[in-house]
Amino acid sequence: MKTIILPIPPTTNHMYGRTQTGKTYKTRALHDWEEEAGWEIKRQWKHSTICEPLYCGITVFYDRNRDIDNLKPIPDILEACGIIKNDMLIEHMNIKKFQDKKNPRVEIEVEEL
């Protein structure tokens, strides 16, 4: 099993915005998170791309009690940065949350099945 530690993505309410014409766009907060997470992945990931079905474990350490549903960008960034070939390869996902006021983060484990 391989582990990556990333910053926590923005909340669902801060990921996307809408134009007056109804088009959805990524917010600056999401773009900033993607950039920071991308650099962290490049720094930490020294393995080849996973092209087989896989397990993905996500453990979130929030600085305060928050919803657990703000994690949609994680599979997307794993794919965009070449950790996994396609996020559709994730066949099993486990999500846990804890509180860590001093060190909020997301720990992601990936393992081929």
C-alpha atoms as a PDB file:
ATOM      1  CA  MET A   1       0.000   0.000   0.000  1.00  0.00           C
ATOM      2  CA  LYS A   2       1.292   3.455  -0.932  1.00  0.00           C
ATOM      3  CA  THR A   3       0.390   6.631   0.974  1.00  0.00           C
ATOM      4  CA  ILE A   4       0.232  10.280  -0.059  1.00  0.00           C
ATOM      5  CA  ILE A   5      -0.460  13.197   2.269  1.00  0.00           C
ATOM      6  CA  LEU A   6      -2.240  16.239   0.820  1.00  0.00           C
ATOM      7  CA  PRO A   7      -3.852  19.422   2.099  1.00  0.00           C
ATOM      8  CA  ILE A   8      -7.588  19.267   2.657  1.00  0.00           C
ATOM      9  CA  PRO A   9      -9.569  20.347  -0.428  1.00  0.00           C
ATOM     10  CA  PRO A  10     -11.944  23.299  -0.162  1.00  0.00           C
ATOM     11  CA  THR A  11     -15.478  22.673   1.020  1.00  0.00           C
ATOM     12  CA  THR A  12     -18.144  21.817  -1.526  1.00  0.00           C
ATOM     13  CA  ASN A  13     -19.538  25.346  -1.270  1.00  0.00           C
ATOM     14  CA  HIS A  14     -16.122  26.771  -2.191  1.00  0.00           C
ATOM     15  CA  MET A  15     -15.204  24.409  -5.075  1.00  0.00           C
ATOM     16  CA  TYR A  16     -17.483  25.675  -7.827  1.00  0.00           C
ATOM     17  CA  GLY A  17     -19.261  28.849  -8.790  1.00  0.00           C
ATOM     18  CA  ARG A  18     -21.894  29.729 -11.366  1.00  0.00           C
ATOM     19  CA  THR A  19     -21.951  32.501 -13.900  1.00  0.00           C
ATOM     20  CA  GLN A  20     -25.054  34.581 -14.467  1.00  0.00           C
ATOM     21  CA  THR A  21     -25.766  32.422 -17.509  1.00  0.00           C
ATOM     22  CA  GLY A  22     -25.683  29.263 -15.374  1.00  0.00           C
ATOM     23  CA  LYS A  23     -22.305  27.865 -16.410  1.00  0.00           C
ATOM     24  CA  THR A  24     -20.339  26.131 -13.667  1.00  0.00           C
ATOM     25  CA  TYR A  25     -16.676  26.959 -13.111  1.00  0.00           C
ATOM     26  CA  LYS A  26     -13.911  25.978 -10.699  1.00  0.00           C
ATOM     27  CA  THR A  27     -13.257  28.607  -8.063  1.00  0.00           C
ATOM     28  CA  ARG A  28      -9.856  30.104  -7.273  1.00  0.00           C
ATOM     29  CA  ALA A  29      -9.879  28.042  -4.040  1.00  0.00           C
ATOM     30  CA  LEU A  30     -10.163  24.788  -6.012  1.00  0.00           C
ATOM     31  CA  HIS A  31      -7.513  25.854  -8.545  1.00  0.00           C
ATOM     32  CA  ASP A  32      -5.155  26.770  -5.691  1.00  0.00           C
ATOM     33  CA  TRP A  33      -5.765  23.428  -3.967  1.00  0.00           C
ATOM     34  CA  GLU A  34      -5.171  21.508  -7.216  1.00  0.00           C
ATOM     35  CA  GLU A  35      -1.885  23.313  -7.736  1.00  0.00           C
ATOM     36  CA  GLU A  36      -0.664  22.722  -4.175  1.00  0.00           C
ATOM     37  CA  ALA A  37      -1.830  19.085  -4.198  1.00  0.00           C
ATOM     38  CA  GLY A  38      -0.176  18.527  -7.576  1.00  0.00           C
ATOM     39  CA  TRP A  39       3.181  19.723  -6.251  1.00  0.00           C
ATOM     40  CA  GLU A  40       2.813  17.520  -3.180  1.00  0.00           C
ATOM     41  CA  ILE A  41       2.031  14.492  -5.340  1.00  0.00           C
ATOM     42  CA  LYS A  42       5.076  15.132  -7.547  1.00  0.00           C
ATOM     43  CA  ARG A  43       7.221  15.394  -4.428  1.00  0.00           C
ATOM     44  CA  GLN A  44       5.856  12.255  -2.759  1.00  0.00           C
ATOM     45  CA  TRP A  45       4.925   9.820  -5.560  1.00  0.00           C
ATOM     46  CA  LYS A  46       7.882   7.823  -6.880  1.00  0.00           C
ATOM     47  CA  HIS A  47       5.923   4.916  -8.367  1.00  0.00           C
ATOM     48  CA  SER A  48       4.479   4.157 -11.774  1.00  0.00           C
ATOM     49  CA  THR A  49       0.878   4.848 -12.744  1.00  0.00           C
ATOM     50  CA  ILE A  50      -1.634   2.313 -11.438  1.00  0.00           C
ATOM     51  CA  CYS A  51      -3.545   0.864 -14.392  1.00  0.00           C
ATOM     52  CA  GLU A  52      -5.387  -1.951 -12.603  1.00  0.00           C
ATOM     53  CA  PRO A  53      -8.458  -1.946 -10.358  1.00  0.00           C
ATOM     54  CA  LEU A  54      -7.548  -0.471  -7.001  1.00  0.00           C
ATOM     55  CA  TYR A  55      -8.481   0.288  -3.431  1.00  0.00           C
ATOM     56  CA  CYS A  56      -8.376   3.896  -2.250  1.00  0.00           C
ATOM     57  CA  GLY A  57      -8.443   4.694   1.455  1.00  0.00           C
ATOM     58  CA  ILE A  58      -8.967   8.321   2.435  1.00  0.00           C
ATOM     59  CA  THR A  59      -8.434   9.489   5.994  1.00  0.00           C
ATOM     60  CA  VAL A  60      -9.216  13.145   6.626  1.00  0.00           C
ATOM     61  CA  PHE A  61      -7.904  14.994   9.644  1.00  0.00           C
ATOM     62  CA  TYR A  62      -9.987  18.172   9.931  1.00  0.00           C
ATOM     63  CA  ASP A  63      -9.111  21.107  12.162  1.00  0.00           C
ATOM     64  CA  ARG A  64     -12.748  21.116  13.321  1.00  0.00           C
ATOM     65  CA  ASN A  65     -15.827  18.957  12.817  1.00  0.00           C
ATOM     66  CA  ARG A  66     -16.862  19.093   9.152  1.00  0.00           C
ATOM     67  CA  ASP A  67     -18.862  17.123   6.622  1.00  0.00           C
ATOM     68  CA  ILE A  68     -17.111  14.154   5.085  1.00  0.00           C
ATOM     69  CA  ASP A  69     -18.530  14.786   1.586  1.00  0.00           C
ATOM     70  CA  ASN A  70     -15.977  17.401   0.433  1.00  0.00           C
ATOM     71  CA  LEU A  71     -13.632  14.836  -1.112  1.00  0.00           C
ATOM     72  CA  LYS A  72     -14.683  14.639  -4.782  1.00  0.00           C
ATOM     73  CA  PRO A  73     -11.501  16.343  -6.039  1.00  0.00           C
ATOM     74  CA  ILE A  74      -9.247  13.649  -4.567  1.00  0.00           C
ATOM     75  CA  PRO A  75      -9.834  10.903  -7.178  1.00  0.00           C
ATOM     76  CA  ASP A  76      -9.672  13.608  -9.856  1.00  0.00           C
ATOM     77  CA  ILE A  77      -6.246  14.858  -8.717  1.00  0.00           C
ATOM     78  CA  LEU A  78      -4.943  11.273  -8.457  1.00  0.00           C
ATOM     79  CA  GLU A  79      -5.830  10.811 -12.111  1.00  0.00           C
ATOM     80  CA  ALA A  80      -4.647  14.240 -13.257  1.00  0.00           C
ATOM     81  CA  CYS A  81      -1.223  13.704 -11.661  1.00  0.00           C
ATOM     82  CA  GLY A  82      -0.737  10.197 -13.046  1.00  0.00           C
ATOM     83  CA  ILE A  83      -1.070   8.147  -9.877  1.00  0.00           C
ATOM     84  CA  ILE A  84      -3.984   6.253 -11.365  1.00  0.00           C
ATOM     85  CA  LYS A  85      -4.797   5.919 -15.045  1.00  0.00           C
ATOM     86  CA  ASN A  86      -8.499   6.582 -14.535  1.00  0.00           C
ATOM     87  CA  ASP A  87     -10.500   7.207 -11.377  1.00  0.00           C
ATOM     88  CA  MET A  88     -13.042   4.666 -12.652  1.00  0.00           C
ATOM     89  CA  LEU A  89     -10.446   2.025 -11.665  1.00  0.00           C
ATOM     90  CA  ILE A  90     -11.276   2.651  -8.000  1.00  0.00           C
ATOM     91  CA  GLU A  91     -13.387  -0.373  -7.082  1.00  0.00           C
ATOM     92  CA  HIS A  92     -13.303   0.022  -3.319  1.00  0.00           C
ATOM     93  CA  MET A  93     -13.042   3.235  -1.320  1.00  0.00           C
ATOM     94  CA  ASN A  94     -12.982   3.697   2.432  1.00  0.00           C
ATOM     95  CA  ILE A  95     -13.314   7.162   3.988  1.00  0.00           C
ATOM     96  CA  LYS A  96     -12.659   8.034   7.630  1.00  0.00           C
ATOM     97  CA  LYS A  97     -12.495  11.356   9.427  1.00  0.00           C
ATOM     98  CA  PHE A  98     -10.788  12.533  12.577  1.00  0.00           C
ATOM     99  CA  GLN A  99      -9.886  15.841  14.164  1.00  0.00           C
ATOM    100  CA  ASP A 100      -6.348  17.200  14.322  1.00  0.00           C
ATOM    101  CA  LYS A 101      -6.399  20.931  15.042  1.00  0.00           C
ATOM    102  CA  LYS A 102      -2.626  21.239  14.727  1.00  0.00           C
ATOM    103  CA  ASN A 103      -2.106  19.302  11.483  1.00  0.00           C
ATOM    104  CA  PRO A 104      -5.186  19.125   9.205  1.00  0.00           C
ATOM    105  CA  ARG A 105      -4.527  16.914   6.171  1.00  0.00           C
ATOM    106  CA  VAL A 106      -5.764  14.128   3.915  1.00  0.00           C
ATOM    107  CA  GLU A 107      -3.928  10.797   3.925  1.00  0.00           C
ATOM    108  CA  ILE A 108      -4.597   8.756   0.798  1.00  0.00           C
ATOM    109  CA  GLU A 109      -3.689   5.094   0.472  1.00  0.00           C
ATOM    110  CA  VAL A 110      -3.790   3.343  -2.880  1.00  0.00           C
ATOM    111  CA  GLU A 111      -3.286  -0.328  -3.561  1.00  0.00           C
ATOM    112  CA  GLU A 112      -3.885  -2.504  -6.598  1.00  0.00           C
ATOM    113  CA  LEU A 113      -6.487  -5.203  -6.009  1.00  0.00           C
END
